[in-house]
Amino acid sequence: MHQQLILDKITSILTATNDSYDEKLVGMLDKASRIFVSGAGRSKLVGSFFAMRLMHSGYDVSFVGEIVTPSIKRGDLLIVISGSGETEQLLAFTKKAKEVGAEIVLISAKSSSTIGDLADNVFQIGSAEQYGKVKGMPMGTVFELSTLVFLEAMISHVIHEKGIAEEEMRARHANLE
């Protein structure tokens, strides 16, 4: 029962999400010198999944907050994943990226927010009214799971469009595990 409830909810969220986001995001990824991904809490975990797949796909990607993350510069892209668009730590990252002239995209449950006001693009996953209280999906689960599926589908789009073979991705996978 709960599996179907979750699948139905994610399906409704993704159906309400703008179909042009994957093409727009791929364009930004391809244009960027380097890509930086950030998030907090469970959105950080979603960002980690996404950053790993971007690396597997051949992009120069860093995850914000890691000790080896380089400084962001003009020509780079910062992807912020925040359901609220208000997380203080992510707002600080966004302000710094804006200050140096990096491009910024916010992936959020809200079309308008403090981080969104600073971003060059806001990709709203679903619509605001879909994020009310959902039985069995507490505290942001709807946004996080929907965003994870959205970003995995975007990676699927990238590897199909660019003809990236799984063997090529596997060759980039960490071998010090």
Protein backbone atom coordinates (compact mmCIF):
# COMPACT_ATOMS: atom_id res chain seq x y z
CA MET A 1 0.00 0.00 0.00
CA HIS A 2 2.65 2.54 0.99
CA GLN A 3 4.85 1.70 -1.99
CA GLN A 4 2.02 2.57 -4.35
CA LEU A 5 1.19 5.74 -2.40
CA ILE A 6 4.81 6.92 -2.74
CA LEU A 7 5.03 5.98 -6.43
CA ASP A 8 1.74 7.74 -7.19
CA LYS A 9 2.84 10.89 -5.38
CA ILE A 10 6.22 11.04 -7.12
CA THR A 11 4.52 10.43 -10.47
CA SER A 12 2.09 13.31 -9.86
CA ILE A 13 4.94 15.64 -8.85
CA LEU A 14 7.04 14.78 -11.91
CA THR A 15 4.04 15.08 -14.21
CA ALA A 16 3.55 18.64 -12.92
CA THR A 17 7.25 19.49 -13.43
CA ASN A 18 8.21 21.53 -16.49
CA ASP A 19 9.37 19.18 -19.29
CA SER A 20 11.97 21.65 -20.54
CA TYR A 21 14.12 21.55 -17.39
CA ASP A 22 16.28 18.62 -18.50
CA GLU A 23 17.26 20.33 -21.78
CA LYS A 24 17.92 23.62 -19.97
CA LEU A 25 20.02 21.93 -17.30
CA VAL A 26 22.04 19.95 -19.86
CA GLY A 27 22.73 23.23 -21.69
CA MET A 28 23.98 24.81 -18.46
CA LEU A 29 26.09 21.76 -17.61
CA ASP A 30 27.69 21.73 -21.06
CA LYS A 31 28.40 25.47 -20.96
CA ALA A 32 29.94 25.48 -17.48
CA SER A 33 33.68 25.30 -16.94
CA ARG A 34 33.05 23.33 -13.74
CA ILE A 35 29.98 22.25 -11.80
CA PHE A 36 29.40 22.61 -8.07
CA VAL A 37 26.50 20.82 -6.36
CA SER A 38 25.17 21.75 -2.92
CA GLY A 39 22.38 20.77 -0.57
CA ALA A 40 21.70 20.31 3.14
CA GLY A 41 20.24 17.38 5.04
CA ARG A 42 18.54 14.82 2.81
CA SER A 43 18.76 17.21 -0.14
CA LYS A 44 22.54 16.98 0.31
CA LEU A 45 22.26 13.21 -0.15
CA VAL A 46 20.24 13.74 -3.34
CA GLY A 47 22.95 16.17 -4.48
CA SER A 48 25.65 13.60 -3.77
CA PHE A 49 23.85 11.04 -5.95
CA PHE A 50 23.59 13.62 -8.73
CA ALA A 51 27.20 14.81 -8.46
CA MET A 52 28.43 11.22 -8.67
CA ARG A 53 26.44 10.55 -11.85
CA LEU A 54 27.64 13.83 -13.38
CA MET A 55 31.23 12.70 -12.73
CA HIS A 56 30.43 9.29 -14.24
CA SER A 57 29.08 11.16 -17.29
CA GLY A 58 32.37 13.00 -17.76
CA TYR A 59 31.65 16.39 -16.18
CA ASP A 60 34.13 18.25 -13.94
CA VAL A 61 32.05 18.31 -10.75
CA SER A 62 32.67 19.10 -7.08
CA PHE A 63 30.44 18.81 -4.06
CA VAL A 64 30.33 21.96 -1.94
CA GLY A 65 31.64 21.51 1.59
CA GLU A 66 34.13 18.75 0.89
CA ILE A 67 37.68 19.55 1.98
CA VAL A 68 39.00 19.20 -1.59
CA THR A 69 36.35 21.41 -3.22
CA PRO A 70 38.08 24.20 -5.20
CA SER A 71 36.98 27.83 -5.23
CA ILE A 72 34.08 28.70 -7.50
CA LYS A 73 34.73 31.21 -10.30
CA ARG A 74 33.08 33.01 -13.18
CA GLY A 75 32.13 30.43 -15.81
CA ASP A 76 31.26 27.79 -13.22
CA LEU A 77 27.77 26.53 -12.37
CA LEU A 78 26.40 26.15 -8.84
CA ILE A 79 23.43 23.79 -8.49
CA VAL A 80 21.61 24.31 -5.20
CA ILE A 81 19.08 21.69 -4.08
CA SER A 82 16.75 23.12 -1.43
CA GLY A 83 13.08 22.36 -0.95
CA SER A 84 12.48 25.67 0.83
CA GLY A 85 15.04 27.81 -0.97
CA GLU A 86 15.76 29.40 2.41
CA THR A 87 18.48 27.25 4.02
CA GLU A 88 21.00 29.69 5.54
CA GLN A 89 24.13 27.72 4.68
CA LEU A 90 23.00 27.30 1.07
CA LEU A 91 22.09 31.00 0.92
CA ALA A 92 25.68 31.84 1.92
CA PHE A 93 27.02 29.57 -0.86
CA THR A 94 24.65 31.21 -3.34
CA LYS A 95 25.73 34.72 -2.36
CA LYS A 96 29.41 33.83 -2.81
CA ALA A 97 28.74 32.25 -6.21
CA LYS A 98 26.78 35.34 -7.28
CA GLU A 99 29.60 37.60 -6.05
CA VAL A 100 32.19 35.86 -8.26
CA GLY A 101 29.89 35.70 -11.30
CA ALA A 102 29.11 31.97 -11.39
CA GLU A 103 25.80 30.84 -12.87
CA ILE A 104 23.33 29.55 -10.29
CA VAL A 105 20.40 27.18 -10.58
CA LEU A 106 18.09 26.37 -7.68
CA ILE A 107 16.14 23.12 -7.68
CA SER A 108 13.29 23.62 -5.23
CA ALA A 109 9.72 22.90 -4.22
CA LYS A 110 9.02 26.65 -4.39
CA SER A 111 9.04 28.99 -7.35
CA SER A 112 9.96 31.98 -5.17
CA SER A 113 12.48 32.11 -2.32
CA THR A 114 15.51 34.02 -1.06
CA ILE A 115 17.93 31.70 -2.87
CA GLY A 116 15.66 31.71 -5.93
CA ASP A 117 15.81 35.51 -6.06
CA LEU A 118 19.62 35.27 -6.42
CA ALA A 119 19.63 32.33 -8.83
CA ASP A 120 19.76 32.66 -12.61
CA ASN A 121 17.23 29.84 -12.93
CA VAL A 122 14.76 28.16 -10.58
CA PHE A 123 13.55 24.68 -11.42
CA GLN A 124 10.44 24.01 -9.40
CA ILE A 125 9.82 20.31 -8.93
CA GLY A 126 6.04 19.87 -9.03
CA SER A 127 3.75 22.65 -7.86
CA ALA A 128 3.48 24.32 -4.47
CA GLU A 129 0.07 22.87 -3.67
CA GLN A 130 1.43 19.31 -4.04
CA TYR A 131 3.63 19.72 -0.99
CA GLY A 132 1.02 19.69 1.75
CA LYS A 133 1.08 17.03 4.43
CA VAL A 134 1.30 13.60 2.78
CA LYS A 135 0.53 10.43 4.73
CA GLY A 136 3.66 8.29 5.09
CA MET A 137 5.96 10.90 3.50
CA PRO A 138 7.04 13.29 6.29
CA MET A 139 9.34 16.27 6.44
CA GLY A 140 10.39 16.85 2.85
CA THR A 141 10.28 13.25 1.63
CA VAL A 142 8.06 14.22 -1.32
CA PHE A 143 10.55 16.83 -2.55
CA GLU A 144 13.64 14.72 -1.95
CA LEU A 145 12.40 11.57 -3.66
CA SER A 146 10.85 13.50 -6.55
CA THR A 147 14.07 15.46 -7.05
CA LEU A 148 16.16 12.29 -6.92
CA VAL A 149 14.03 10.70 -9.65
CA PHE A 150 14.01 13.94 -11.69
CA LEU A 151 17.81 14.17 -11.57
CA GLU A 152 18.33 10.47 -12.33
CA ALA A 153 16.02 10.88 -15.35
CA MET A 154 18.07 13.91 -16.40
CA ILE A 155 21.25 11.81 -16.24
CA SER A 156 19.49 9.15 -18.33
CA HIS A 157 18.74 11.90 -20.86
CA VAL A 158 22.42 12.98 -20.86
CA ILE A 159 23.82 9.50 -21.41
CA HIS A 160 21.33 8.76 -24.19
CA GLU A 161 21.85 12.11 -25.97
CA LYS A 162 25.64 11.93 -25.73
CA GLY A 163 25.86 8.18 -26.36
CA ILE A 164 27.83 7.55 -23.16
CA ALA A 165 28.25 3.80 -22.73
CA GLU A 166 27.88 2.24 -19.29
CA GLU A 167 31.41 0.86 -19.66
CA GLU A 168 32.71 4.42 -20.06
CA MET A 169 30.84 5.48 -16.92
CA ARG A 170 32.10 2.42 -15.04
CA ALA A 171 35.69 3.31 -16.00
CA ARG A 172 35.24 6.65 -14.18
CA HIS A 173 33.71 5.00 -11.09
CA ALA A 174 35.80 5.07 -7.92
CA ASN A 175 38.15 2.12 -7.66
CA LEU A 176 39.30 2.89 -4.10
CA GLU A 177 36.18 1.65 -2.34
